[in-house]
Amino acid sequence: ANSWGVHDLIGNVFEWTGAAASLYPGSTGEVRPLSEPHLMLRGGAAIYKSAGTNAITSTFRVAVPSSTRRAEIGFRLVRAE
């Protein structure tokens, strides 16, 4: 755990976000038409080998269909005081 008591932030599962699939502001990437709603996943899952080690960082993100269900996709509980 770090000084805030937080541990295991990276490598367990990709985390669902509430963000719609989009490019970062100022990005020159390509936006392709999507046939169904996509949401962003963040972080990385060590068991997801096809994304490589680049996917196991706090900055990695990928858009996936919102209907996707996989063992390496989850969510993080947050408690605010």
N, C-alpha and C. Protein backbone atom coordinates (compact mmCIF):
# COMPACT_ATOMS: atom_id res chain seq x y z
N ALA A 1 0.84 -1.19 0.00
CA ALA A 1 0.00 0.00 0.00
C ALA A 1 0.88 1.25 0.00
N ASN A 2 0.37 2.31 -0.62
CA ASN A 2 1.11 3.56 -0.60
C ASN A 2 0.72 4.37 0.65
N SER A 3 1.17 5.60 0.72
CA SER A 3 0.92 6.41 1.92
C SER A 3 -0.56 6.73 2.14
N TRP A 4 -1.39 6.55 1.12
CA TRP A 4 -2.83 6.76 1.25
C TRP A 4 -3.57 5.46 1.54
N GLY A 5 -2.84 4.36 1.65
CA GLY A 5 -3.46 3.07 1.89
C GLY A 5 -3.99 2.39 0.64
N VAL A 6 -3.60 2.90 -0.52
CA VAL A 6 -4.08 2.36 -1.80
C VAL A 6 -3.09 1.32 -2.31
N HIS A 7 -3.61 0.21 -2.83
CA HIS A 7 -2.74 -0.81 -3.41
C HIS A 7 -3.46 -1.51 -4.55
N ASP A 8 -2.70 -2.23 -5.36
CA ASP A 8 -3.23 -3.01 -6.49
C ASP A 8 -4.04 -2.17 -7.48
N LEU A 9 -3.49 -1.02 -7.88
CA LEU A 9 -4.21 -0.18 -8.84
C LEU A 9 -4.02 -0.62 -10.29
N ILE A 10 -2.94 -1.31 -10.59
CA ILE A 10 -2.63 -1.66 -11.97
C ILE A 10 -2.43 -3.16 -12.10
N GLY A 11 -2.94 -3.75 -13.16
CA GLY A 11 -2.63 -5.13 -13.49
C GLY A 11 -3.70 -6.15 -13.17
N ASN A 12 -4.67 -5.80 -12.35
CA ASN A 12 -5.71 -6.78 -12.01
C ASN A 12 -6.76 -6.89 -13.10
N VAL A 13 -7.40 -5.80 -13.41
CA VAL A 13 -8.42 -5.76 -14.46
C VAL A 13 -8.38 -4.40 -15.15
N PHE A 14 -8.86 -4.37 -16.39
CA PHE A 14 -9.16 -3.09 -17.01
C PHE A 14 -10.37 -2.54 -16.28
N GLU A 15 -10.44 -1.23 -16.13
CA GLU A 15 -11.55 -0.62 -15.39
C GLU A 15 -12.48 0.13 -16.32
N TRP A 16 -13.79 -0.16 -16.20
CA TRP A 16 -14.78 0.60 -16.93
C TRP A 16 -14.74 2.04 -16.46
N THR A 17 -14.93 2.97 -17.38
CA THR A 17 -15.15 4.36 -17.01
C THR A 17 -16.53 4.75 -17.55
N GLY A 18 -17.01 5.88 -17.13
CA GLY A 18 -18.28 6.37 -17.65
C GLY A 18 -18.10 7.21 -18.89
N ALA A 19 -16.86 7.30 -19.39
CA ALA A 19 -16.56 8.17 -20.52
C ALA A 19 -16.89 7.50 -21.85
N ALA A 20 -17.55 8.24 -22.70
CA ALA A 20 -17.79 7.75 -24.06
C ALA A 20 -16.47 7.70 -24.81
N ALA A 21 -16.38 6.81 -25.78
CA ALA A 21 -15.16 6.67 -26.58
C ALA A 21 -14.88 7.97 -27.32
N SER A 22 -13.67 8.48 -27.15
CA SER A 22 -13.28 9.72 -27.83
C SER A 22 -11.77 9.84 -27.81
N LEU A 23 -11.25 10.74 -28.63
CA LEU A 23 -9.82 11.02 -28.64
C LEU A 23 -9.50 12.05 -27.57
N TYR A 24 -8.24 12.07 -27.15
CA TYR A 24 -7.80 13.12 -26.25
C TYR A 24 -7.85 14.46 -26.99
N PRO A 25 -8.12 15.56 -26.30
CA PRO A 25 -8.09 16.88 -26.95
C PRO A 25 -6.74 17.11 -27.62
N GLY A 26 -6.76 17.59 -28.84
CA GLY A 26 -5.53 17.86 -29.58
C GLY A 26 -4.95 16.65 -30.29
N SER A 27 -5.57 15.49 -30.14
CA SER A 27 -5.08 14.28 -30.79
C SER A 27 -5.29 14.36 -32.30
N THR A 28 -4.38 13.73 -33.03
CA THR A 28 -4.52 13.66 -34.48
C THR A 28 -4.96 12.28 -34.93
N GLY A 29 -5.43 11.47 -34.01
CA GLY A 29 -5.87 10.12 -34.33
C GLY A 29 -7.12 10.11 -35.19
N GLU A 30 -7.45 8.94 -35.67
CA GLU A 30 -8.61 8.76 -36.54
C GLU A 30 -9.82 8.34 -35.73
N VAL A 31 -10.95 8.94 -36.02
CA VAL A 31 -12.21 8.56 -35.40
C VAL A 31 -13.02 7.79 -36.43
N ARG A 32 -13.31 6.53 -36.13
CA ARG A 32 -14.09 5.70 -37.05
C ARG A 32 -15.53 5.63 -36.56
N PRO A 33 -16.48 5.54 -37.50
CA PRO A 33 -17.88 5.39 -37.10
C PRO A 33 -18.07 4.09 -36.31
N LEU A 34 -18.88 4.14 -35.27
CA LEU A 34 -19.13 2.97 -34.43
C LEU A 34 -20.57 2.52 -34.61
N SER A 35 -20.77 1.21 -34.69
CA SER A 35 -22.11 0.68 -34.90
C SER A 35 -22.91 0.58 -33.60
N GLU A 36 -22.23 0.67 -32.46
CA GLU A 36 -22.91 0.63 -31.17
C GLU A 36 -22.12 1.49 -30.18
N PRO A 37 -22.73 1.89 -29.07
CA PRO A 37 -22.02 2.74 -28.10
C PRO A 37 -20.76 2.06 -27.55
N HIS A 38 -19.69 2.82 -27.44
CA HIS A 38 -18.43 2.34 -26.87
C HIS A 38 -18.11 3.18 -25.63
N LEU A 39 -17.49 2.54 -24.65
CA LEU A 39 -17.00 3.22 -23.45
C LEU A 39 -15.50 2.98 -23.34
N MET A 40 -14.85 3.80 -22.54
CA MET A 40 -13.41 3.68 -22.37
C MET A 40 -13.08 2.75 -21.21
N LEU A 41 -12.08 1.91 -21.42
CA LEU A 41 -11.46 1.13 -20.35
C LEU A 41 -10.14 1.79 -20.02
N ARG A 42 -9.75 1.76 -18.75
CA ARG A 42 -8.46 2.33 -18.32
C ARG A 42 -7.67 1.27 -17.59
N GLY A 43 -6.38 1.56 -17.41
CA GLY A 43 -5.51 0.67 -16.65
C GLY A 43 -5.07 -0.51 -17.46
N GLY A 44 -4.95 -1.65 -16.83
CA GLY A 44 -4.50 -2.82 -17.57
C GLY A 44 -4.74 -4.10 -16.81
N ALA A 45 -4.79 -5.17 -17.56
CA ALA A 45 -4.98 -6.49 -16.97
C ALA A 45 -3.83 -7.37 -17.40
N ALA A 46 -3.09 -7.89 -16.46
CA ALA A 46 -1.93 -8.71 -16.76
C ALA A 46 -2.30 -9.96 -17.54
N ILE A 47 -3.54 -10.43 -17.42
CA ILE A 47 -3.94 -11.65 -18.13
C ILE A 47 -4.32 -11.39 -19.58
N TYR A 48 -4.37 -10.13 -19.99
CA TYR A 48 -4.74 -9.77 -21.36
C TYR A 48 -3.47 -9.62 -22.18
N LYS A 49 -2.93 -10.71 -22.67
CA LYS A 49 -1.62 -10.72 -23.32
C LYS A 49 -1.58 -9.99 -24.65
N SER A 50 -2.66 -9.97 -25.41
CA SER A 50 -2.60 -9.38 -26.75
C SER A 50 -2.36 -7.88 -26.74
N ALA A 51 -2.63 -7.20 -25.63
CA ALA A 51 -2.37 -5.77 -25.54
C ALA A 51 -0.92 -5.49 -25.17
N GLY A 52 -0.19 -6.49 -24.73
CA GLY A 52 1.21 -6.31 -24.38
C GLY A 52 1.40 -5.57 -23.07
N THR A 53 2.65 -5.40 -22.68
CA THR A 53 2.95 -4.74 -21.41
C THR A 53 2.61 -3.26 -21.44
N ASN A 54 2.47 -2.66 -22.61
CA ASN A 54 2.07 -1.25 -22.68
C ASN A 54 0.68 -1.02 -22.10
N ALA A 55 -0.11 -2.07 -22.03
CA ALA A 55 -1.48 -1.94 -21.51
C ALA A 55 -1.53 -1.94 -19.99
N ILE A 56 -0.44 -2.27 -19.34
CA ILE A 56 -0.45 -2.34 -17.88
C ILE A 56 0.14 -1.06 -17.31
N THR A 57 -0.53 0.05 -17.58
CA THR A 57 -0.14 1.36 -17.07
C THR A 57 -1.40 2.13 -16.70
N SER A 58 -1.24 3.15 -15.89
CA SER A 58 -2.40 3.96 -15.51
C SER A 58 -2.88 4.84 -16.66
N THR A 59 -2.06 5.02 -17.68
CA THR A 59 -2.43 5.88 -18.80
C THR A 59 -3.04 5.13 -19.97
N PHE A 60 -2.97 3.80 -19.97
CA PHE A 60 -3.53 3.04 -21.09
C PHE A 60 -5.04 3.15 -21.09
N ARG A 61 -5.61 3.32 -22.27
CA ARG A 61 -7.06 3.31 -22.41
C ARG A 61 -7.42 2.74 -23.77
N VAL A 62 -8.59 2.15 -23.84
CA VAL A 62 -9.08 1.56 -25.08
C VAL A 62 -10.60 1.64 -25.08
N ALA A 63 -11.17 1.87 -26.26
CA ALA A 63 -12.63 1.92 -26.41
C ALA A 63 -13.14 0.53 -26.75
N VAL A 64 -14.17 0.10 -26.06
CA VAL A 64 -14.80 -1.20 -26.34
C VAL A 64 -16.31 -1.01 -26.33
N PRO A 65 -17.03 -1.89 -27.04
CA PRO A 65 -18.49 -1.80 -26.99
C PRO A 65 -18.99 -1.89 -25.55
N SER A 66 -19.98 -1.09 -25.22
CA SER A 66 -20.49 -1.07 -23.84
C SER A 66 -21.13 -2.40 -23.45
N SER A 67 -21.41 -3.25 -24.40
CA SER A 67 -21.99 -4.57 -24.10
C SER A 67 -20.93 -5.63 -23.82
N THR A 68 -19.66 -5.28 -23.87
CA THR A 68 -18.56 -6.24 -23.68
C THR A 68 -18.56 -6.80 -22.27
N ARG A 69 -18.39 -8.10 -22.15
CA ARG A 69 -18.27 -8.78 -20.86
C ARG A 69 -17.08 -9.72 -20.95
N ARG A 70 -16.06 -9.51 -20.13
CA ARG A 70 -14.87 -10.35 -20.12
C ARG A 70 -14.34 -10.43 -18.70
N ALA A 71 -13.63 -11.50 -18.41
CA ALA A 71 -13.07 -11.71 -17.07
C ALA A 71 -12.06 -10.64 -16.69
N GLU A 72 -11.39 -10.04 -17.66
CA GLU A 72 -10.35 -9.05 -17.34
C GLU A 72 -10.87 -7.62 -17.34
N ILE A 73 -12.20 -7.43 -17.35
CA ILE A 73 -12.79 -6.10 -17.27
C ILE A 73 -13.59 -6.01 -15.98
N GLY A 74 -13.34 -4.96 -15.21
CA GLY A 74 -14.05 -4.79 -13.95
C GLY A 74 -14.28 -3.33 -13.64
N PHE A 75 -14.35 -3.01 -12.37
CA PHE A 75 -14.54 -1.64 -11.94
C PHE A 75 -13.87 -1.47 -10.59
N ARG A 76 -13.64 -0.23 -10.21
CA ARG A 76 -13.00 0.06 -8.93
C ARG A 76 -13.99 0.79 -8.04
N LEU A 77 -14.11 0.32 -6.83
CA LEU A 77 -14.96 0.98 -5.84
C LEU A 77 -14.19 2.15 -5.24
N VAL A 78 -14.86 3.25 -5.05
CA VAL A 78 -14.24 4.44 -4.47
C VAL A 78 -15.10 4.91 -3.32
N ARG A 79 -14.43 5.25 -2.23
CA ARG A 79 -15.14 5.79 -1.07
C ARG A 79 -14.65 7.21 -0.85
N ALA A 80 -15.55 8.16 -0.85
CA ALA A 80 -15.21 9.55 -0.59
C ALA A 80 -15.68 9.91 0.81
N GLU A 81 -14.86 10.64 1.50
CA GLU A 81 -15.23 11.05 2.87
C GLU A 81 -15.51 12.53 2.92
